C-alpha atoms as a PDB file:
ATOM      1  CA  MET A   1     -19.658 -48.396  -7.268  1.00  0.00           C
ATOM      2  CA  ILE A   2     -23.053 -47.914  -5.661  1.00  0.00           C
ATOM      3  CA  ASP A   3     -21.671 -49.606  -2.557  1.00  0.00           C
ATOM      4  CA  LEU A   4     -19.022 -46.864  -2.226  1.00  0.00           C
ATOM      5  CA  LEU A   5     -21.537 -43.977  -2.257  1.00  0.00           C
ATOM      6  CA  PRO A   6     -22.427 -44.142   1.470  1.00  0.00           C
ATOM      7  CA  LYS A   7     -18.729 -43.731   2.355  1.00  0.00           C
ATOM      8  CA  TYR A   8     -18.085 -41.054  -0.265  1.00  0.00           C
ATOM      9  CA  LEU A   9     -21.069 -38.764   0.434  1.00  0.00           C
ATOM     10  CA  PRO A  10     -20.034 -37.739   4.000  1.00  0.00           C
ATOM     11  CA  LYS A  11     -16.522 -36.881   2.781  1.00  0.00           C
ATOM     12  CA  LEU A  12     -17.985 -34.883  -0.075  1.00  0.00           C
ATOM     13  CA  GLN A  13     -20.319 -33.046   2.338  1.00  0.00           C
ATOM     14  CA  GLU A  14     -17.376 -32.202   4.620  1.00  0.00           C
ATOM     15  CA  GLU A  15     -15.366 -30.838   1.684  1.00  0.00           C
ATOM     16  CA  LEU A  16     -18.356 -28.739   0.610  1.00  0.00           C
ATOM     17  CA  GLU A  17     -18.671 -27.252   4.109  1.00  0.00           C
ATOM     18  CA  ASN A  18     -14.936 -26.500   4.246  1.00  0.00           C
ATOM     19  CA  THR A  19     -15.169 -24.805   0.865  1.00  0.00           C
ATOM     20  CA  LYS A  20     -18.093 -22.643   2.015  1.00  0.00           C
ATOM     21  CA  VAL A  21     -16.158 -21.566   5.121  1.00  0.00           C
ATOM     22  CA  GLU A  22     -13.085 -20.700   3.031  1.00  0.00           C
ATOM     23  CA  LYS A  23     -15.215 -18.762   0.538  1.00  0.00           C
ATOM     24  CA  ALA A  24     -16.801 -16.742   3.356  1.00  0.00           C
ATOM     25  CA  ARG A  25     -13.354 -16.015   4.823  1.00  0.00           C
ATOM     26  CA  LEU A  26     -12.005 -14.813   1.481  1.00  0.00           C
ATOM     27  CA  GLU A  27     -15.078 -12.671   0.815  1.00  0.00           C
ATOM     28  CA  SER A  28     -14.587 -10.994   4.205  1.00  0.00           C
ATOM     29  CA  LEU A  29     -11.086  -9.909   3.120  1.00  0.00           C
ATOM     30  CA  VAL A  30     -12.314  -8.027   0.038  1.00  0.00           C
ATOM     31  CA  GLY A  31     -11.696  -4.298   0.409  1.00  0.00           C
ATOM     32  CA  GLN A  32      -9.618  -4.576   3.577  1.00  0.00           C
ATOM     33  CA  SER A  33      -6.188  -3.029   3.754  1.00  0.00           C
ATOM     34  CA  PHE A  34      -3.213  -5.107   4.726  1.00  0.00           C
ATOM     35  CA  PRO A  35      -0.698  -4.000   7.389  1.00  0.00           C
ATOM     36  CA  HIS A  36       2.213  -3.464   4.989  1.00  0.00           C
ATOM     37  CA  SER A  37       0.315  -2.309   1.913  1.00  0.00           C
ATOM     38  CA  GLU A  38       1.430   1.321   2.368  1.00  0.00           C
ATOM     39  CA  LYS A  39       5.088   0.310   2.527  1.00  0.00           C
ATOM     40  CA  ILE A  40       4.644  -1.904  -0.545  1.00  0.00           C
ATOM     41  CA  ASN A  41       3.061   1.026  -2.390  1.00  0.00           C
ATOM     42  CA  ASP A  42       5.956   3.317  -1.372  1.00  0.00           C
ATOM     43  CA  VAL A  43       8.550   0.849  -2.647  1.00  0.00           C
ATOM     44  CA  SER A  44       6.556   0.364  -5.846  1.00  0.00           C
ATOM     45  CA  ARG A  45       6.437   4.138  -6.440  1.00  0.00           C
ATOM     46  CA  ARG A  46      10.187   4.399  -5.777  1.00  0.00           C
ATOM     47  CA  LEU A  47      10.888   1.631  -8.290  1.00  0.00           C
ATOM     48  CA  GLN A  48       8.730   3.433 -10.857  1.00  0.00           C
ATOM     49  CA  GLU A  49      10.689   6.646 -10.228  1.00  0.00           C
ATOM     50  CA  ILE A  50      13.993   4.840 -10.720  1.00  0.00           C
ATOM     51  CA  ASP A  51      12.687   3.213 -13.891  1.00  0.00           C
ATOM     52  CA  ALA A  52      11.572   6.606 -15.213  1.00  0.00           C
ATOM     53  CA  ILE A  53      15.005   8.104 -14.471  1.00  0.00           C
ATOM     54  CA  LEU A  54      16.732   5.262 -16.267  1.00  0.00           C
ATOM     55  CA  GLN A  55      14.442   5.602 -19.276  1.00  0.00           C
ATOM     56  CA  GLU A  56      14.984   9.383 -19.428  1.00  0.00           C
ATOM     57  CA  ASP A  57      18.739   9.057 -19.307  1.00  0.00           C
ATOM     58  CA  GLU A  58      19.102   5.933 -21.422  1.00  0.00           C
ATOM     59  CA  ALA A  59      20.287   8.076 -24.315  1.00  0.00           C
ATOM     60  CA  ALA A  60      23.102   9.385 -22.143  1.00  0.00           C
ATOM     61  CA  LEU A  61      24.854   6.030 -22.086  1.00  0.00           C
ATOM     62  CA  ASP A  62      28.263   6.310 -23.623  1.00  0.00           C
ATOM     63  CA  THR A  63      27.778   3.794 -26.412  1.00  0.00           C
ATOM     64  CA  SER A  64      29.869   5.688 -28.929  1.00  0.00           C
ATOM     65  CA  GLU A  65      33.106   4.704 -27.166  1.00  0.00           C
ATOM     66  CA  LEU A  66      32.059   1.056 -27.060  1.00  0.00           C
ATOM     67  CA  SER A  67      31.171   1.008 -30.751  1.00  0.00           C
ATOM     68  CA  SER A  68      34.462   2.663 -31.736  1.00  0.00           C
ATOM     69  CA  ASN A  69      36.368   0.078 -29.677  1.00  0.00           C
ATOM     70  CA  ASP A  70      34.461  -2.698 -31.443  1.00  0.00           C
ATOM     71  CA  GLU A  71      35.285  -1.240 -34.870  1.00  0.00           C
ATOM     72  CA  ASN A  72      38.983  -0.940 -34.065  1.00  0.00           C
ATOM     73  CA  SER A  73      39.315  -4.459 -32.716  1.00  0.00           C
ATOM     74  CA  GLU A  74      37.581  -6.313 -35.555  1.00  0.00           C
ATOM     75  CA  GLY A  75      39.683  -9.208 -36.764  1.00  0.00           C
ATOM     76  CA  SER A  76      42.161  -8.949 -33.914  1.00  0.00           C
ATOM     77  CA  ASP A  77      43.081 -11.752 -31.542  1.00  0.00           C
ATOM     78  CA  ASN A  78      41.503  -9.861 -28.637  1.00  0.00           C
ATOM     79  CA  ASP A  79      37.890 -10.113 -29.842  1.00  0.00           C
ATOM     80  CA  PHE A  80      35.290 -10.451 -27.116  1.00  0.00           C
ATOM     81  CA  GLN A  81      33.919 -13.985 -26.976  1.00  0.00           C
ATOM     82  CA  LEU A  82      30.333 -14.208 -25.693  1.00  0.00           C
ATOM     83  CA  ASN A  83      30.659 -17.785 -24.517  1.00  0.00           C
ATOM     84  CA  ASP A  84      34.118 -17.412 -23.001  1.00  0.00           C
ATOM     85  CA  GLU A  85      33.921 -16.957 -19.211  1.00  0.00           C
ATOM     86  CA  ARG A  86      37.422 -15.469 -19.077  1.00  0.00           C
ATOM     87  CA  TYR A  87      36.186 -12.145 -20.470  1.00  0.00           C
ATOM     88  CA  MET A  88      33.913  -9.556 -18.919  1.00  0.00           C
ATOM     89  CA  GLN A  89      32.188  -6.924 -20.973  1.00  0.00           C
ATOM     90  CA  GLU A  90      32.712  -3.380 -19.757  1.00  0.00           C
ATOM     91  CA  TYR A  91      29.796  -0.950 -19.573  1.00  0.00           C
ATOM     92  CA  HIS A  92      30.214   2.808 -19.526  1.00  0.00           C
ATOM     93  CA  ILE A  93      27.474   4.794 -17.806  1.00  0.00           C
ATOM     94  CA  HIS A  94      27.260   8.526 -18.296  1.00  0.00           C
ATOM     95  CA  ARG A  95      28.189  10.460 -15.145  1.00  0.00           C
ATOM     96  CA  GLY A  96      24.854  12.327 -15.299  1.00  0.00           C
ATOM     97  CA  ILE A  97      22.928   9.103 -14.748  1.00  0.00           C
ATOM     98  CA  VAL A  98      25.021   8.195 -11.730  1.00  0.00           C
ATOM     99  CA  ASP A  99      24.628  11.693 -10.255  1.00  0.00           C
ATOM    100  CA  LYS A 100      20.847  11.624 -10.732  1.00  0.00           C
ATOM    101  CA  LEU A 101      20.486   8.209  -9.118  1.00  0.00           C
ATOM    102  CA  PHE A 102      22.584   9.204  -6.111  1.00  0.00           C
ATOM    103  CA  SER A 103      20.818  12.546  -5.698  1.00  0.00           C
ATOM    104  CA  HIS A 104      17.497  10.875  -4.839  1.00  0.00           C
ATOM    105  CA  SER A 105      16.633  10.053  -1.246  1.00  0.00           C
ATOM    106  CA  MET A 106      17.344   6.510  -0.130  1.00  0.00           C
ATOM    107  CA  GLU A 107      15.243   6.782   3.062  1.00  0.00           C
ATOM    108  CA  ASP A 108      12.232   4.961   1.593  1.00  0.00           C
ATOM    109  CA  ILE A 109      14.245   1.936   0.543  1.00  0.00           C
ATOM    110  CA  GLU A 110      15.250  -0.643   3.102  1.00  0.00           C
END
């Protein structure tokens, strides 16, 4: 093992130098703005707005019709099977949610 040290030490020194250069490069990037950071922030804000709208109007979902359909079809041959790919579940969204989502500007989203 001692015989391998002379070959290993130069490689280790080179790796140490490369690591120091990389560390200096990364430290120079701290606090700098990136070219597309403003656009990323705009998209992030837009997604937060959409999320807030959906949370506000979540109560407006028309779940009463779905639950009444489920109650009426209990025990029938037409029950919805979760693992059966032949069926699709239908979702009803309140018209107010759709109107609110479409009323917002789409210019910021690409």
